[in-house]
Amino acid sequence: MKPEVLVELLEHAADQLGIRVTYEALQPVPGKSPGGLCKVKGEYRILLDKRATAEERVGTLATAIGQFEIAKPGTIDELELPQKVRDVLRTYEPSKKTSRAVA
């Protein structure tokens, strides 16, 4: 599946979870993902660098959705997602022991 299609499917999954996805010009930090999950005024958001490649967007979206799953367990299971999207989410799944979920 093309990365651009995966981005759309992951954005749709985030929308179903009530997570707003926004694209902004983020300051690049070497060795860090171009964006991530945060909570602003009680609303979950995934911030993505608008200059990020489709592959970077897939990684950032999948990681952020995985972090949301840690904060709210079982939410992803309720979504209707293609198997390929579930596989991508598992690939980027953060470790429950080492991740700090956004609360």
PDB file of N, CA and C in Angstrom:
ATOM      1  N   MET A   1       0.842  -1.174   0.000  1.00  0.00           N
ATOM      2  CA  MET A   1       0.000   0.000   0.000  1.00  0.00           C
ATOM      3  C   MET A   1       0.891   1.242   0.000  1.00  0.00           C
ATOM      4  N   LYS A   2       0.542   2.218  -0.803  1.00  0.00           N
ATOM      5  CA  LYS A   2       1.336   3.437  -0.907  1.00  0.00           C
ATOM      6  C   LYS A   2       1.273   4.231   0.403  1.00  0.00           C
ATOM      7  N   PRO A   3       2.392   4.871   0.758  1.00  0.00           N
ATOM      8  CA  PRO A   3       2.416   5.661   1.995  1.00  0.00           C
ATOM      9  C   PRO A   3       1.333   6.743   2.031  1.00  0.00           C
ATOM     10  N   GLU A   4       1.041   7.353   0.898  1.00  0.00           N
ATOM     11  CA  GLU A   4       0.025   8.404   0.855  1.00  0.00           C
ATOM     12  C   GLU A   4      -1.348   7.858   1.247  1.00  0.00           C
ATOM     13  N   VAL A   5      -1.647   6.631   0.813  1.00  0.00           N
ATOM     14  CA  VAL A   5      -2.920   5.989   1.158  1.00  0.00           C
ATOM     15  C   VAL A   5      -2.934   5.655   2.649  1.00  0.00           C
ATOM     16  N   LEU A   6      -1.810   5.165   3.159  1.00  0.00           N
ATOM     17  CA  LEU A   6      -1.718   4.874   4.590  1.00  0.00           C
ATOM     18  C   LEU A   6      -1.921   6.140   5.430  1.00  0.00           C
ATOM     19  N   VAL A   7      -1.372   7.246   4.980  1.00  0.00           N
ATOM     20  CA  VAL A   7      -1.556   8.515   5.696  1.00  0.00           C
ATOM     21  C   VAL A   7      -3.045   8.831   5.786  1.00  0.00           C
ATOM     22  N   GLU A   8      -3.751   8.723   4.678  1.00  0.00           N
ATOM     23  CA  GLU A   8      -5.195   9.009   4.671  1.00  0.00           C
ATOM     24  C   GLU A   8      -5.945   8.078   5.616  1.00  0.00           C
ATOM     25  N   LEU A   9      -5.610   6.791   5.593  1.00  0.00           N
ATOM     26  CA  LEU A   9      -6.290   5.828   6.454  1.00  0.00           C
ATOM     27  C   LEU A   9      -5.980   6.080   7.935  1.00  0.00           C
ATOM     28  N   LEU A  10      -4.744   6.436   8.232  1.00  0.00           N
ATOM     29  CA  LEU A  10      -4.373   6.741   9.618  1.00  0.00           C
ATOM     30  C   LEU A  10      -5.022   8.050  10.082  1.00  0.00           C
ATOM     31  N   GLU A  11      -5.114   9.031   9.196  1.00  0.00           N
ATOM     32  CA  GLU A  11      -5.818  10.275   9.537  1.00  0.00           C
ATOM     33  C   GLU A  11      -7.284   9.974   9.839  1.00  0.00           C
ATOM     34  N   HIS A  12      -7.881   9.097   9.060  1.00  0.00           N
ATOM     35  CA  HIS A  12      -9.281   8.708   9.283  1.00  0.00           C
ATOM     36  C   HIS A  12      -9.426   7.981  10.628  1.00  0.00           C
ATOM     37  N   ALA A  13      -8.480   7.109  10.934  1.00  0.00           N
ATOM     38  CA  ALA A  13      -8.511   6.410  12.227  1.00  0.00           C
ATOM     39  C   ALA A  13      -8.413   7.412  13.375  1.00  0.00           C
ATOM     40  N   ALA A  14      -7.527   8.386  13.243  1.00  0.00           N
ATOM     41  CA  ALA A  14      -7.385   9.422  14.274  1.00  0.00           C
ATOM     42  C   ALA A  14      -8.695  10.186  14.433  1.00  0.00           C
ATOM     43  N   ASP A  15      -9.311  10.510  13.319  1.00  0.00           N
ATOM     44  CA  ASP A  15     -10.592  11.220  13.355  1.00  0.00           C
ATOM     45  C   ASP A  15     -11.649  10.395  14.099  1.00  0.00           C
ATOM     46  N   GLN A  16     -11.703   9.099  13.830  1.00  0.00           N
ATOM     47  CA  GLN A  16     -12.656   8.222  14.506  1.00  0.00           C
ATOM     48  C   GLN A  16     -12.404   8.182  16.019  1.00  0.00           C
ATOM     49  N   LEU A  17     -11.146   8.357  16.408  1.00  0.00           N
ATOM     50  CA  LEU A  17     -10.786   8.348  17.827  1.00  0.00           C
ATOM     51  C   LEU A  17     -10.995   9.718  18.482  1.00  0.00           C
ATOM     52  N   GLY A  18     -11.379  10.698  17.682  1.00  0.00           N
ATOM     53  CA  GLY A  18     -11.576  12.038  18.214  1.00  0.00           C
ATOM     54  C   GLY A  18     -10.294  12.834  18.344  1.00  0.00           C
ATOM     55  N   ILE A  19      -9.272  12.430  17.592  1.00  0.00           N
ATOM     56  CA  ILE A  19      -7.982  13.119  17.614  1.00  0.00           C
ATOM     57  C   ILE A  19      -7.908  14.024  16.388  1.00  0.00           C
ATOM     58  N   ARG A  20      -7.669  15.295  16.632  1.00  0.00           N
ATOM     59  CA  ARG A  20      -7.531  16.253  15.538  1.00  0.00           C
ATOM     60  C   ARG A  20      -6.106  16.179  14.987  1.00  0.00           C
ATOM     61  N   VAL A  21      -5.983  16.077  13.671  1.00  0.00           N
ATOM     62  CA  VAL A  21      -4.678  16.034  13.015  1.00  0.00           C
ATOM     63  C   VAL A  21      -4.444  17.395  12.350  1.00  0.00           C
ATOM     64  N   THR A  22      -3.312  18.015  12.696  1.00  0.00           N
ATOM     65  CA  THR A  22      -2.992  19.306  12.099  1.00  0.00           C
ATOM     66  C   THR A  22      -1.582  19.272  11.519  1.00  0.00           C
ATOM     67  N   TYR A  23      -1.413  19.999  10.427  1.00  0.00           N
ATOM     68  CA  TYR A  23      -0.121  20.120   9.760  1.00  0.00           C
ATOM     69  C   TYR A  23       0.385  21.547   9.958  1.00  0.00           C
ATOM     70  N   GLU A  24       1.590  21.650  10.494  1.00  0.00           N
ATOM     71  CA  GLU A  24       2.177  22.955  10.770  1.00  0.00           C
ATOM     72  C   GLU A  24       3.657  22.928  10.414  1.00  0.00           C
ATOM     73  N   ALA A  25       4.244  24.104  10.290  1.00  0.00           N
ATOM     74  CA  ALA A  25       5.680  24.210  10.046  1.00  0.00           C
ATOM     75  C   ALA A  25       6.379  24.062  11.395  1.00  0.00           C
ATOM     76  N   LEU A  26       6.847  22.862  11.689  1.00  0.00           N
ATOM     77  CA  LEU A  26       7.499  22.586  12.970  1.00  0.00           C
ATOM     78  C   LEU A  26       9.003  22.764  12.841  1.00  0.00           C
ATOM     79  N   GLN A  27       9.620  23.164  13.917  1.00  0.00           N
ATOM     80  CA  GLN A  27      11.076  23.317  13.957  1.00  0.00           C
ATOM     81  C   GLN A  27      11.697  21.921  13.953  1.00  0.00           C
ATOM     82  N   PRO A  28      12.533  21.600  12.973  1.00  0.00           N
ATOM     83  CA  PRO A  28      13.132  20.261  12.937  1.00  0.00           C
ATOM     84  C   PRO A  28      14.112  20.045  14.085  1.00  0.00           C
ATOM     85  N   VAL A  29      14.042  18.838  14.660  1.00  0.00           N
ATOM     86  CA  VAL A  29      14.966  18.436  15.722  1.00  0.00           C
ATOM     87  C   VAL A  29      15.654  17.170  15.236  1.00  0.00           C
ATOM     88  N   PRO A  30      16.981  17.201  15.058  1.00  0.00           N
ATOM     89  CA  PRO A  30      17.695  16.025  14.556  1.00  0.00           C
ATOM     90  C   PRO A  30      17.414  14.776  15.406  1.00  0.00           C
ATOM     91  N   GLY A  31      17.082  13.686  14.730  1.00  0.00           N
ATOM     92  CA  GLY A  31      16.848  12.415  15.409  1.00  0.00           C
ATOM     93  C   GLY A  31      15.472  12.281  16.035  1.00  0.00           C
ATOM     94  N   LYS A  32      14.621  13.269  15.882  1.00  0.00           N
ATOM     95  CA  LYS A  32      13.272  13.233  16.459  1.00  0.00           C
ATOM     96  C   LYS A  32      12.230  13.156  15.351  1.00  0.00           C
ATOM     97  N   SER A  33      11.093  12.593  15.702  1.00  0.00           N
ATOM     98  CA  SER A  33       9.980  12.500  14.776  1.00  0.00           C
ATOM     99  C   SER A  33       9.437  13.896  14.465  1.00  0.00           C
ATOM    100  N   PRO A  34       9.010  14.123  13.221  1.00  0.00           N
ATOM    101  CA  PRO A  34       8.465  15.434  12.873  1.00  0.00           C
ATOM    102  C   PRO A  34       7.013  15.594  13.337  1.00  0.00           C
ATOM    103  N   GLY A  35       6.801  15.652  14.656  1.00  0.00           N
ATOM    104  CA  GLY A  35       5.461  15.826  15.216  1.00  0.00           C
ATOM    105  C   GLY A  35       5.151  14.763  16.247  1.00  0.00           C
ATOM    106  N   GLY A  36       3.880  14.706  16.661  1.00  0.00           N
ATOM    107  CA  GLY A  36       3.471  13.708  17.634  1.00  0.00           C
ATOM    108  C   GLY A  36       2.155  14.059  18.302  1.00  0.00           C
ATOM    109  N   LEU A  37       1.798  13.250  19.312  1.00  0.00           N
ATOM    110  CA  LEU A  37       0.540  13.393  20.044  1.00  0.00           C
ATOM    111  C   LEU A  37       0.710  14.391  21.174  1.00  0.00           C
ATOM    112  N   CYS A  38      -0.296  15.235  21.348  1.00  0.00           N
ATOM    113  CA  CYS A  38      -0.317  16.150  22.487  1.00  0.00           C
ATOM    114  C   CYS A  38      -1.774  16.392  22.870  1.00  0.00           C
ATOM    115  N   LYS A  39      -1.953  17.053  23.986  1.00  0.00           N
ATOM    116  CA  LYS A  39      -3.290  17.381  24.456  1.00  0.00           C
ATOM    117  C   LYS A  39      -3.334  18.887  24.695  1.00  0.00           C
ATOM    118  N   VAL A  40      -4.247  19.563  23.996  1.00  0.00           N
ATOM    119  CA  VAL A  40      -4.374  21.008  24.082  1.00  0.00           C
ATOM    120  C   VAL A  40      -5.795  21.340  24.533  1.00  0.00           C
ATOM    121  N   LYS A  41      -5.898  21.986  25.702  1.00  0.00           N
ATOM    122  CA  LYS A  41      -7.205  22.370  26.251  1.00  0.00           C
ATOM    123  C   LYS A  41      -8.169  21.188  26.275  1.00  0.00           C
ATOM    124  N   GLY A  42      -7.672  20.036  26.707  1.00  0.00           N
ATOM    125  CA  GLY A  42      -8.497  18.843  26.844  1.00  0.00           C
ATOM    126  C   GLY A  42      -8.748  18.081  25.559  1.00  0.00           C
ATOM    127  N   GLU A  43      -8.218  18.564  24.445  1.00  0.00           N
ATOM    128  CA  GLU A  43      -8.419  17.919  23.143  1.00  0.00           C
ATOM    129  C   GLU A  43      -7.116  17.274  22.677  1.00  0.00           C
ATOM    130  N   TYR A  44      -7.215  16.000  22.290  1.00  0.00           N
ATOM    131  CA  TYR A  44      -6.034  15.324  21.749  1.00  0.00           C
ATOM    132  C   TYR A  44      -5.779  15.811  20.329  1.00  0.00           C
ATOM    133  N   ARG A  45      -4.494  15.990  20.014  1.00  0.00           N
ATOM    134  CA  ARG A  45      -4.078  16.406  18.683  1.00  0.00           C
ATOM    135  C   ARG A  45      -2.836  15.639  18.263  1.00  0.00           C
ATOM    136  N   ILE A  46      -2.723  15.441  16.983  1.00  0.00           N
ATOM    137  CA  ILE A  46      -1.477  14.949  16.403  1.00  0.00           C
ATOM    138  C   ILE A  46      -0.955  16.076  15.536  1.00  0.00           C
ATOM    139  N   LEU A  47       0.214  16.575  15.901  1.00  0.00           N
ATOM    140  CA  LEU A  47       0.861  17.621  15.124  1.00  0.00           C
ATOM    141  C   LEU A  47       1.851  16.968  14.168  1.00  0.00           C
ATOM    142  N   LEU A  48       1.792  17.380  12.911  1.00  0.00           N
ATOM    143  CA  LEU A  48       2.702  16.867  11.892  1.00  0.00           C
ATOM    144  C   LEU A  48       3.368  18.039  11.187  1.00  0.00           C
ATOM    145  N   ASP A  49       4.632  17.863  10.889  1.00  0.00           N
ATOM    146  CA  ASP A  49       5.344  18.879  10.117  1.00  0.00           C
ATOM    147  C   ASP A  49       4.819  18.812   8.689  1.00  0.00           C
ATOM    148  N   LYS A  50       4.358  19.943   8.183  1.00  0.00           N
ATOM    149  CA  LYS A  50       3.789  19.947   6.830  1.00  0.00           C
ATOM    150  C   LYS A  50       4.824  19.640   5.757  1.00  0.00           C
ATOM    151  N   ARG A  51       6.112  19.696   6.122  1.00  0.00           N
ATOM    152  CA  ARG A  51       7.170  19.365   5.156  1.00  0.00           C
ATOM    153  C   ARG A  51       7.597  17.899   5.249  1.00  0.00           C
ATOM    154  N   ALA A  52       7.016  17.141   6.164  1.00  0.00           N
ATOM    155  CA  ALA A  52       7.395  15.733   6.347  1.00  0.00           C
ATOM    156  C   ALA A  52       7.001  14.912   5.116  1.00  0.00           C
ATOM    157  N   THR A  53       7.787  13.883   4.849  1.00  0.00           N
ATOM    158  CA  THR A  53       7.466  12.982   3.744  1.00  0.00           C
ATOM    159  C   THR A  53       6.284  12.099   4.151  1.00  0.00           C
ATOM    160  N   ALA A  54       5.688  11.442   3.184  1.00  0.00           N
ATOM    161  CA  ALA A  54       4.573  10.535   3.464  1.00  0.00           C
ATOM    162  C   ALA A  54       5.014   9.422   4.419  1.00  0.00           C
ATOM    163  N   GLU A  55       6.227   8.915   4.241  1.00  0.00           N
ATOM    164  CA  GLU A  55       6.730   7.857   5.122  1.00  0.00           C
ATOM    165  C   GLU A  55       6.883   8.373   6.552  1.00  0.00           C
ATOM    166  N   GLU A  56       7.397   9.609   6.713  1.00  0.00           N
ATOM    167  CA  GLU A  56       7.529  10.188   8.054  1.00  0.00           C
ATOM    168  C   GLU A  56       6.157  10.418   8.678  1.00  0.00           C
ATOM    169  N   ARG A  57       5.197  10.830   7.868  1.00  0.00           N
ATOM    170  CA  ARG A  57       3.839  11.041   8.366  1.00  0.00           C
ATOM    171  C   ARG A  57       3.219   9.729   8.851  1.00  0.00           C
ATOM    172  N   VAL A  58       3.441   8.658   8.104  1.00  0.00           N
ATOM    173  CA  VAL A  58       2.929   7.344   8.521  1.00  0.00           C
ATOM    174  C   VAL A  58       3.499   6.986   9.886  1.00  0.00           C
ATOM    175  N   GLY A  59       4.810   7.118  10.037  1.00  0.00           N
ATOM    176  CA  GLY A  59       5.454   6.786  11.306  1.00  0.00           C
ATOM    177  C   GLY A  59       4.955   7.635  12.457  1.00  0.00           C
ATOM    178  N   THR A  60       4.824   8.936  12.237  1.00  0.00           N
ATOM    179  CA  THR A  60       4.367   9.841  13.289  1.00  0.00           C
ATOM    180  C   THR A  60       2.910   9.559  13.661  1.00  0.00           C
ATOM    181  N   LEU A  61       2.057   9.395  12.659  1.00  0.00           N
ATOM    182  CA  LEU A  61       0.643   9.111  12.925  1.00  0.00           C
ATOM    183  C   LEU A  61       0.470   7.783  13.662  1.00  0.00           C
ATOM    184  N   ALA A  62       1.144   6.744  13.184  1.00  0.00           N
ATOM    185  CA  ALA A  62       1.008   5.420  13.800  1.00  0.00           C
ATOM    186  C   ALA A  62       1.530   5.431  15.237  1.00  0.00           C
ATOM    187  N   THR A  63       2.649   6.092  15.476  1.00  0.00           N
ATOM    188  CA  THR A  63       3.204   6.176  16.829  1.00  0.00           C
ATOM    189  C   THR A  63       2.261   6.950  17.744  1.00  0.00           C
ATOM    190  N   ALA A  64       1.738   8.067  17.259  1.00  0.00           N
ATOM    191  CA  ALA A  64       0.835   8.887  18.059  1.00  0.00           C
ATOM    192  C   ALA A  64      -0.455   8.131  18.393  1.00  0.00           C
ATOM    193  N   ILE A  65      -1.001   7.406  17.430  1.00  0.00           N
ATOM    194  CA  ILE A  65      -2.211   6.621  17.684  1.00  0.00           C
ATOM    195  C   ILE A  65      -1.910   5.529  18.699  1.00  0.00           C
ATOM    196  N   GLY A  66      -0.729   4.930  18.615  1.00  0.00           N
ATOM    197  CA  GLY A  66      -0.321   3.929  19.612  1.00  0.00           C
ATOM    198  C   GLY A  66      -0.210   4.527  20.998  1.00  0.00           C
ATOM    199  N   GLN A  67       0.299   5.745  21.106  1.00  0.00           N
ATOM    200  CA  GLN A  67       0.386   6.419  22.403  1.00  0.00           C
ATOM    201  C   GLN A  67      -1.007   6.717  22.944  1.00  0.00           C
ATOM    202  N   PHE A  68      -1.924   7.077  22.069  1.00  0.00           N
ATOM    203  CA  PHE A  68      -3.308   7.327  22.473  1.00  0.00           C
ATOM    204  C   PHE A  68      -3.926   6.032  23.017  1.00  0.00           C
ATOM    205  N   GLU A  69      -3.606   4.923  22.376  1.00  0.00           N
ATOM    206  CA  GLU A  69      -4.118   3.617  22.814  1.00  0.00           C
ATOM    207  C   GLU A  69      -3.631   3.297  24.230  1.00  0.00           C
ATOM    208  N   ILE A  70      -2.414   3.687  24.561  1.00  0.00           N
ATOM    209  CA  ILE A  70      -1.906   3.467  25.915  1.00  0.00           C
ATOM    210  C   ILE A  70      -2.699   4.315  26.912  1.00  0.00           C
ATOM    211  N   ALA A  71      -3.015   5.550  26.529  1.00  0.00           N
ATOM    212  CA  ALA A  71      -3.774   6.450  27.398  1.00  0.00           C
ATOM    213  C   ALA A  71      -5.227   5.991  27.543  1.00  0.00           C
ATOM    214  N   LYS A  72      -5.779   5.419  26.490  1.00  0.00           N
ATOM    215  CA  LYS A  72      -7.176   4.974  26.484  1.00  0.00           C
ATOM    216  C   LYS A  72      -7.248   3.570  25.889  1.00  0.00           C
ATOM    217  N   PRO A  73      -6.885   2.551  26.677  1.00  0.00           N
ATOM    218  CA  PRO A  73      -6.808   1.174  26.169  1.00  0.00           C
ATOM    219  C   PRO A  73      -8.112   0.674  25.541  1.00  0.00           C
ATOM    220  N   GLY A  74      -7.957  -0.075  24.460  1.00  0.00           N
ATOM    221  CA  GLY A  74      -9.084  -0.717  23.791  1.00  0.00           C
ATOM    222  C   GLY A  74      -9.764   0.124  22.733  1.00  0.00           C
ATOM    223  N   THR A  75      -9.364   1.384  22.588  1.00  0.00           N
ATOM    224  CA  THR A  75     -10.044   2.266  21.635  1.00  0.00           C
ATOM    225  C   THR A  75      -9.800   1.866  20.184  1.00  0.00           C
ATOM    226  N   ILE A  76      -8.611   1.413  19.873  1.00  0.00           N
ATOM    227  CA  ILE A  76      -8.304   1.031  18.489  1.00  0.00           C
ATOM    228  C   ILE A  76      -9.066  -0.232  18.094  1.00  0.00           C
ATOM    229  N   ASP A  77      -9.269  -1.133  19.049  1.00  0.00           N
ATOM    230  CA  ASP A  77      -9.987  -2.372  18.766  1.00  0.00           C
ATOM    231  C   ASP A  77     -11.397  -2.112  18.263  1.00  0.00           C
ATOM    232  N   GLU A  78     -11.977  -0.982  18.650  1.00  0.00           N
ATOM    233  CA  GLU A  78     -13.352  -0.657  18.271  1.00  0.00           C
ATOM    234  C   GLU A  78     -13.462  -0.129  16.839  1.00  0.00           C
ATOM    235  N   LEU A  79     -12.346   0.240  16.236  1.00  0.00           N
ATOM    236  CA  LEU A  79     -12.365   0.825  14.893  1.00  0.00           C
ATOM    237  C   LEU A  79     -12.379  -0.241  13.809  1.00  0.00           C
ATOM    238  N   GLU A  80     -13.042   0.100  12.713  1.00  0.00           N
ATOM    239  CA  GLU A  80     -12.983  -0.758  11.527  1.00  0.00           C
ATOM    240  C   GLU A  80     -11.825  -0.261  10.682  1.00  0.00           C
ATOM    241  N   LEU A  81     -10.747  -1.038  10.683  1.00  0.00           N
ATOM    242  CA  LEU A  81      -9.539  -0.660   9.953  1.00  0.00           C
ATOM    243  C   LEU A  81      -9.101  -1.799   9.054  1.00  0.00           C
ATOM    244  N   PRO A  82      -8.571  -1.467   7.885  1.00  0.00           N
ATOM    245  CA  PRO A  82      -7.994  -2.522   7.045  1.00  0.00           C
ATOM    246  C   PRO A  82      -6.842  -3.209   7.786  1.00  0.00           C
ATOM    247  N   GLN A  83      -6.625  -4.465   7.495  1.00  0.00           N
ATOM    248  CA  GLN A  83      -5.570  -5.221   8.164  1.00  0.00           C
ATOM    249  C   GLN A  83      -4.207  -4.564   7.991  1.00  0.00           C
ATOM    250  N   LYS A  84      -3.943  -3.990   6.833  1.00  0.00           N
ATOM    251  CA  LYS A  84      -2.656  -3.330   6.589  1.00  0.00           C
ATOM    252  C   LYS A  84      -2.438  -2.179   7.580  1.00  0.00           C
ATOM    253  N   VAL A  85      -3.490  -1.436   7.889  1.00  0.00           N
ATOM    254  CA  VAL A  85      -3.377  -0.331   8.845  1.00  0.00           C
ATOM    255  C   VAL A  85      -3.099  -0.891  10.246  1.00  0.00           C
ATOM    256  N   ARG A  86      -3.769  -1.951  10.620  1.00  0.00           N
ATOM    257  CA  ARG A  86      -3.516  -2.587  11.927  1.00  0.00           C
ATOM    258  C   ARG A  86      -2.066  -3.082  12.009  1.00  0.00           C
ATOM    259  N   ASP A  87      -1.569  -3.623  10.906  1.00  0.00           N
ATOM    260  CA  ASP A  87      -0.178  -4.081  10.862  1.00  0.00           C
ATOM    261  C   ASP A  87       0.792  -2.915  11.072  1.00  0.00           C
ATOM    262  N   VAL A  88       0.513  -1.786  10.425  1.00  0.00           N
ATOM    263  CA  VAL A  88       1.365  -0.603  10.573  1.00  0.00           C
ATOM    264  C   VAL A  88       1.314  -0.118  12.021  1.00  0.00           C
ATOM    265  N   LEU A  89       0.126  -0.080  12.613  1.00  0.00           N
ATOM    266  CA  LEU A  89       0.008   0.356  14.010  1.00  0.00           C
ATOM    267  C   LEU A  89       0.808  -0.554  14.942  1.00  0.00           C
ATOM    268  N   ARG A  90       0.786  -1.856  14.676  1.00  0.00           N
ATOM    269  CA  ARG A  90       1.575  -2.796  15.497  1.00  0.00           C
ATOM    270  C   ARG A  90       3.074  -2.556  15.320  1.00  0.00           C
ATOM    271  N   THR A  91       3.477  -2.242  14.092  1.00  0.00           N
ATOM    272  CA  THR A  91       4.891  -1.983  13.809  1.00  0.00           C
ATOM    273  C   THR A  91       5.408  -0.800  14.616  1.00  0.00           C
ATOM    274  N   TYR A  92       4.595   0.227  14.745  1.00  0.00           N
ATOM    275  CA  TYR A  92       5.014   1.449  15.432  1.00  0.00           C
ATOM    276  C   TYR A  92       4.524   1.506  16.885  1.00  0.00           C
ATOM    277  N   GLU A  93       3.949   0.412  17.365  1.00  0.00           N
ATOM    278  CA  GLU A  93       3.392   0.388  18.715  1.00  0.00           C
ATOM    279  C   GLU A  93       4.465   0.700  19.755  1.00  0.00           C
ATOM    280  N   PRO A  94       4.230   1.748  20.556  1.00  0.00           N
ATOM    281  CA  PRO A  94       5.209   2.065  21.598  1.00  0.00           C
ATOM    282  C   PRO A  94       5.137   1.046  22.727  1.00  0.00           C
ATOM    283  N   SER A  95       6.249   0.839  23.373  1.00  0.00           N
ATOM    284  CA  SER A  95       6.294  -0.080  24.505  1.00  0.00           C
ATOM    285  C   SER A  95       5.506   0.517  25.658  1.00  0.00           C
ATOM    286  N   LYS A  96       4.630  -0.273  26.243  1.00  0.00           N
ATOM    287  CA  LYS A  96       3.813   0.211  27.353  1.00  0.00           C
ATOM    288  C   LYS A  96       4.671   0.526  28.586  1.00  0.00           C
ATOM    289  N   LYS A  97       5.846  -0.093  28.663  1.00  0.00           N
ATOM    290  CA  LYS A  97       6.724   0.127  29.825  1.00  0.00           C
ATOM    291  C   LYS A  97       7.531   1.403  29.695  1.00  0.00           C
ATOM    292  N   THR A  98       7.920   1.759  28.461  1.00  0.00           N
ATOM    293  CA  THR A  98       8.826   2.883  28.305  1.00  0.00           C
ATOM    294  C   THR A  98       8.153   4.163  27.822  1.00  0.00           C
ATOM    295  N   SER A  99       6.910   4.076  27.356  1.00  0.00           N
ATOM    296  CA  SER A  99       6.246   5.271  26.825  1.00  0.00           C
ATOM    297  C   SER A  99       5.533   6.031  27.919  1.00  0.00           C
ATOM    298  N   ARG A 100       5.564   7.329  27.764  1.00  0.00           N
ATOM    299  CA  ARG A 100       4.765   8.173  28.624  1.00  0.00           C
ATOM    300  C   ARG A 100       3.551   8.582  27.810  1.00  0.00           C
ATOM    301  N   ALA A 101       2.403   8.122  28.212  1.00  0.00           N
ATOM    302  CA  ALA A 101       1.181   8.486  27.499  1.00  0.00           C
ATOM    303  C   ALA A 101       0.794   9.911  27.871  1.00  0.00           C
ATOM    304  N   VAL A 102       0.184  10.588  26.928  1.00  0.00           N
ATOM    305  CA  VAL A 102      -0.296  11.926  27.185  1.00  0.00           C
ATOM    306  C   VAL A 102      -1.622  11.787  27.906  1.00  0.00           C
ATOM    307  N   ALA A 103      -1.716  12.347  29.090  1.00  0.00           N
ATOM    308  CA  ALA A 103      -2.958  12.206  29.864  1.00  0.00           C
ATOM    309  C   ALA A 103      -3.740  13.483  29.898  1.00  0.00           C
TER     310      ALA A 103
END
